[in-house]
Amino acid sequence: MTVAHVPENLRILLLIRDQKTEELCRAELAAHAVDCCRAEDLRDLVAMMDGRTAYHGVIADIRFSMKADAELKQQLRRLENIYPFLRVKPAADGSLHGISSLSGSVSLEEFLGQCRTFPARSLREEERREEYVSAWLSVTPDFAVAETSVSLNLSCRGAFFYSARIWEVGTTLRIRFPGQGQDLDFAARVCWCRPWGGKSDGLPGIGVEFLEVSERQCALLKAFLRSG
């Protein structure tokens, strides 16, 4: 099993084609003592999906997204549902303007604040698909109080669930897929939260990482993915 190196400083993945935008990003990140790695296209991005390096967030320039083909756009959507994600473009005054997947228009410094609350995750090529599966979310194992939800995307490592409540990053919760049996409840950790009524255009919800997935649980997740 490949073990990802967890960086001491923040580490950001740059998805940037434009040289001027790259220079601005690197200069601002260096001023905040933030490490970064850059991918210029889909080939670079796939080559970095070896699970060896962990990242706290992703910054992509607007042109990178606009010129992406279907496969690259799918990878960008996957990354946006896993990491704090910022789209940037240079302004006329030489500064960077950014739109965060979590909170809409933000400065780079505000985005890095979001990244500091996010547990670094390695970049892997994985089967993550748009999958709509009913689920219950609860902070207690007995599901005495549970929120009815649905997954918007799903993989064997994590998922994004619709949720109208505010979840604190790092919160552990239990997830149950109705009809699958109590013994297949999942333990998970909230990696990020997109609040209801925020500045972002995306649906409200939480990105979670599954914890200690058993063979039976993994088989269930793969069955969901195969049935889509």
Protein backbone atom coordinates (compact mmCIF):
# COMPACT_ATOMS: atom_id res chain seq x y z
CA MET A 1 0.00 0.00 0.00
CA THR A 2 1.31 3.44 -0.93
CA VAL A 3 1.50 5.81 2.02
CA ALA A 4 1.08 9.48 1.20
CA HIS A 5 3.56 11.98 2.59
CA VAL A 6 1.65 14.41 4.81
CA PRO A 7 3.24 17.85 4.37
CA GLU A 8 4.26 19.95 7.37
CA ASN A 9 3.22 23.13 5.54
CA LEU A 10 0.13 23.64 3.46
CA ARG A 11 0.50 22.07 0.04
CA ILE A 12 -1.67 23.20 -2.87
CA LEU A 13 -2.14 21.59 -6.28
CA LEU A 14 -2.02 24.16 -9.10
CA LEU A 15 -3.93 23.43 -12.31
CA ILE A 16 -2.66 26.29 -14.43
CA ARG A 17 -1.81 26.81 -18.09
CA ASP A 18 -1.27 30.57 -18.11
CA GLN A 19 2.29 31.58 -17.17
CA LYS A 20 1.31 34.95 -15.71
CA THR A 21 -1.31 33.35 -13.48
CA GLU A 22 1.18 30.72 -12.37
CA GLU A 23 3.77 33.37 -11.44
CA LEU A 24 1.18 35.32 -9.42
CA CYS A 25 0.01 32.20 -7.60
CA ARG A 26 3.51 31.00 -6.77
CA ALA A 27 4.54 34.42 -5.49
CA GLU A 28 1.49 34.74 -3.23
CA LEU A 29 1.75 31.16 -1.98
CA ALA A 30 5.45 31.60 -1.22
CA ALA A 31 4.60 34.72 0.80
CA HIS A 32 2.34 32.51 2.95
CA ALA A 33 4.95 29.70 3.19
CA VAL A 34 2.73 27.37 1.15
CA ASP A 35 4.20 24.58 -0.98
CA CYS A 36 2.70 23.84 -4.38
CA CYS A 37 2.90 21.49 -7.36
CA ARG A 38 1.65 22.25 -10.85
CA ALA A 39 -0.16 20.26 -13.53
CA GLU A 40 -0.52 21.87 -16.96
CA ASP A 41 -2.88 19.36 -18.58
CA LEU A 42 -4.70 16.05 -18.10
CA ARG A 43 -1.54 14.00 -18.68
CA ASP A 44 0.29 15.88 -15.93
CA LEU A 45 -2.67 15.49 -13.58
CA VAL A 46 -3.02 11.74 -14.12
CA ALA A 47 0.74 11.29 -13.65
CA MET A 48 0.43 12.91 -10.21
CA MET A 49 -2.33 10.50 -9.10
CA ASP A 50 0.07 8.04 -7.49
CA GLY A 51 -1.13 8.48 -3.92
CA ARG A 52 2.31 9.60 -2.73
CA THR A 53 1.64 13.29 -2.09
CA ALA A 54 -1.09 14.82 0.06
CA TYR A 55 -2.71 18.17 -0.69
CA HIS A 56 -4.83 20.60 1.31
CA GLY A 57 -6.53 22.24 -1.65
CA VAL A 58 -6.60 22.92 -5.39
CA ILE A 59 -6.23 26.16 -7.34
CA ALA A 60 -7.22 26.20 -11.03
CA ASP A 61 -7.08 29.09 -13.43
CA ILE A 62 -10.25 29.94 -15.35
CA ARG A 63 -8.62 29.10 -18.69
CA PHE A 64 -7.68 25.62 -17.46
CA SER A 65 -11.37 24.90 -16.82
CA MET A 66 -12.68 26.60 -19.98
CA LYS A 67 -10.35 24.71 -22.34
CA ALA A 68 -10.80 21.32 -20.67
CA ASP A 69 -12.11 18.36 -22.66
CA ALA A 70 -14.80 16.02 -21.30
CA GLU A 71 -12.38 13.73 -19.45
CA LEU A 72 -10.51 16.60 -17.82
CA LYS A 73 -13.78 18.28 -16.80
CA GLN A 74 -14.82 15.05 -15.11
CA GLN A 75 -11.54 15.00 -13.16
CA LEU A 76 -12.04 18.67 -12.19
CA ARG A 77 -15.54 17.92 -10.85
CA ARG A 78 -14.10 15.04 -8.84
CA LEU A 79 -11.38 17.23 -7.33
CA GLU A 80 -13.91 19.97 -6.55
CA ASN A 81 -15.94 17.45 -4.54
CA ILE A 82 -12.88 16.27 -2.59
CA TYR A 83 -10.75 19.35 -1.88
CA PRO A 84 -11.26 23.02 -1.12
CA PHE A 85 -11.18 24.32 -4.71
CA LEU A 86 -10.44 27.85 -5.94
CA ARG A 87 -10.81 29.15 -9.50
CA VAL A 88 -8.64 32.20 -10.13
CA LYS A 89 -7.94 34.81 -12.78
CA PRO A 90 -5.51 37.76 -12.74
CA ALA A 91 -7.06 41.19 -12.32
CA ALA A 92 -5.95 44.35 -14.14
CA ASP A 93 -4.11 45.55 -11.02
CA GLY A 94 -1.98 42.39 -10.95
CA SER A 95 -3.82 40.73 -8.07
CA LEU A 96 -5.67 37.42 -8.15
CA HIS A 97 -9.44 37.14 -7.97
CA GLY A 98 -10.82 33.79 -6.83
CA ILE A 99 -14.12 31.92 -6.58
CA SER A 100 -14.18 29.15 -3.97
CA SER A 101 -16.29 25.98 -4.30
CA LEU A 102 -17.22 26.44 -0.63
CA SER A 103 -17.99 30.11 -0.19
CA GLY A 104 -18.01 32.00 -3.48
CA SER A 105 -15.77 35.03 -4.07
CA VAL A 106 -12.80 35.02 -1.67
CA SER A 107 -9.25 36.27 -1.44
CA LEU A 108 -6.36 33.83 -1.66
CA GLU A 109 -5.68 34.37 2.04
CA GLU A 110 -9.29 33.45 2.92
CA PHE A 111 -9.05 30.33 0.75
CA LEU A 112 -5.84 29.24 2.49
CA GLY A 113 -7.70 29.63 5.78
CA GLN A 114 -10.24 27.09 4.51
CA CYS A 115 -7.42 24.77 3.46
CA ARG A 116 -5.88 24.85 6.95
CA THR A 117 -9.02 23.17 8.36
CA PHE A 118 -8.90 20.43 5.70
CA PRO A 119 -6.98 17.21 6.48
CA ALA A 120 -4.42 16.71 3.70
CA ARG A 121 -5.46 13.98 1.27
CA SER A 122 -3.43 12.15 -1.33
CA LEU A 123 -4.28 12.44 -5.00
CA ARG A 124 -5.38 9.12 -6.43
CA GLU A 125 -7.05 7.90 -9.57
CA GLU A 126 -10.24 6.31 -8.31
CA GLU A 127 -13.71 5.33 -9.35
CA ARG A 128 -15.80 8.29 -8.25
CA ARG A 129 -19.10 8.73 -10.02
CA GLU A 130 -22.25 10.76 -9.83
CA GLU A 131 -24.37 8.31 -7.85
CA TYR A 132 -27.69 9.17 -6.19
CA VAL A 133 -28.15 6.80 -3.24
CA SER A 134 -30.50 7.47 -0.30
CA ALA A 135 -28.72 7.73 3.04
CA TRP A 136 -29.17 8.71 6.68
CA LEU A 137 -26.61 10.90 8.42
CA SER A 138 -26.22 10.88 12.21
CA VAL A 139 -23.67 11.94 14.82
CA THR A 140 -24.69 9.01 17.06
CA PRO A 141 -24.41 5.28 16.23
CA ASP A 142 -28.03 4.59 17.22
CA PHE A 143 -29.39 7.05 14.61
CA ALA A 144 -31.79 8.41 17.24
CA VAL A 145 -31.61 11.74 15.41
CA ALA A 146 -30.77 11.41 11.73
CA GLU A 147 -30.91 13.60 8.65
CA THR A 148 -32.37 12.07 5.49
CA SER A 149 -29.95 12.66 2.65
CA VAL A 150 -28.77 11.46 -0.74
CA SER A 151 -25.30 11.03 -2.20
CA LEU A 152 -24.45 13.20 -5.19
CA ASN A 153 -21.23 11.37 -5.92
CA LEU A 154 -19.72 8.24 -4.45
CA SER A 155 -16.50 6.25 -4.36
CA CYS A 156 -14.99 3.54 -2.19
CA ARG A 157 -13.07 6.19 -0.23
CA GLY A 158 -15.63 8.92 0.25
CA ALA A 159 -18.70 10.75 -1.00
CA PHE A 160 -20.56 14.02 -1.18
CA PHE A 161 -23.95 14.06 0.60
CA TYR A 162 -26.66 16.68 0.36
CA SER A 163 -27.21 18.34 3.74
CA ALA A 164 -28.98 21.52 4.82
CA ARG A 165 -27.25 21.70 8.22
CA ILE A 166 -23.88 23.18 9.11
CA TRP A 167 -21.24 20.54 9.82
CA GLU A 168 -17.92 21.33 11.45
CA VAL A 169 -14.90 20.06 9.54
CA GLY A 170 -13.39 17.06 11.32
CA THR A 171 -16.72 15.89 12.78
CA THR A 172 -17.16 12.11 12.82
CA LEU A 173 -20.55 10.76 11.83
CA ARG A 174 -22.36 7.57 10.96
CA ILE A 175 -23.87 6.92 7.53
CA ARG A 176 -26.51 4.30 6.81
CA PHE A 177 -27.87 3.31 3.42
CA PRO A 178 -31.49 2.26 4.15
CA GLY A 179 -32.28 -1.37 3.39
CA GLN A 180 -28.66 -2.55 3.60
CA GLY A 181 -28.61 -3.62 7.25
CA GLN A 182 -27.34 -1.95 10.42
CA ASP A 183 -24.10 -3.92 10.30
CA LEU A 184 -23.14 -1.99 7.17
CA ASP A 185 -23.24 1.45 8.81
CA PHE A 186 -20.25 3.56 7.78
CA ALA A 187 -18.08 5.69 10.03
CA ALA A 188 -16.96 8.87 8.25
CA ARG A 189 -15.25 12.19 8.82
CA VAL A 190 -16.40 15.54 7.43
CA CYS A 191 -13.64 16.92 5.18
CA TRP A 192 -15.50 20.05 4.09
CA CYS A 193 -18.94 21.63 4.27
CA ARG A 194 -20.77 23.75 1.68
CA PRO A 195 -23.44 25.63 3.66
CA TRP A 196 -27.00 26.36 2.62
CA GLY A 197 -27.46 29.91 1.33
CA GLY A 198 -23.74 30.56 0.91
CA LYS A 199 -22.07 32.40 -1.96
CA SER A 200 -21.29 29.19 -3.85
CA ASP A 201 -23.54 28.06 -6.70
CA GLY A 202 -23.24 24.39 -5.70
CA LEU A 203 -25.76 22.39 -3.72
CA PRO A 204 -25.29 22.45 0.06
CA GLY A 205 -23.74 19.41 1.63
CA ILE A 206 -20.66 17.70 2.99
CA GLY A 207 -17.68 15.92 1.51
CA VAL A 208 -16.79 12.94 3.70
CA GLU A 209 -14.05 10.38 3.94
CA PHE A 210 -15.07 6.86 4.95
CA LEU A 211 -13.11 5.45 7.90
CA GLU A 212 -11.99 1.82 8.28
CA VAL A 213 -14.04 0.40 5.40
CA SER A 214 -14.56 -3.37 5.78
CA GLU A 215 -14.57 -5.83 2.88
CA ARG A 216 -18.39 -6.06 3.05
CA GLN A 217 -18.75 -2.28 3.05
CA CYS A 218 -16.36 -1.96 0.11
CA ALA A 219 -18.34 -4.60 -1.79
CA LEU A 220 -21.56 -2.64 -1.16
CA LEU A 221 -20.02 0.60 -2.46
CA LYS A 222 -18.71 -1.17 -5.57
CA ALA A 223 -22.18 -2.63 -6.14
CA PHE A 224 -23.65 0.90 -6.07
CA LEU A 225 -21.02 2.03 -8.58
CA ARG A 226 -21.60 -0.93 -10.91
CA SER A 227 -25.38 -0.49 -10.87
CA GLY A 228 -25.25 3.14 -12.06
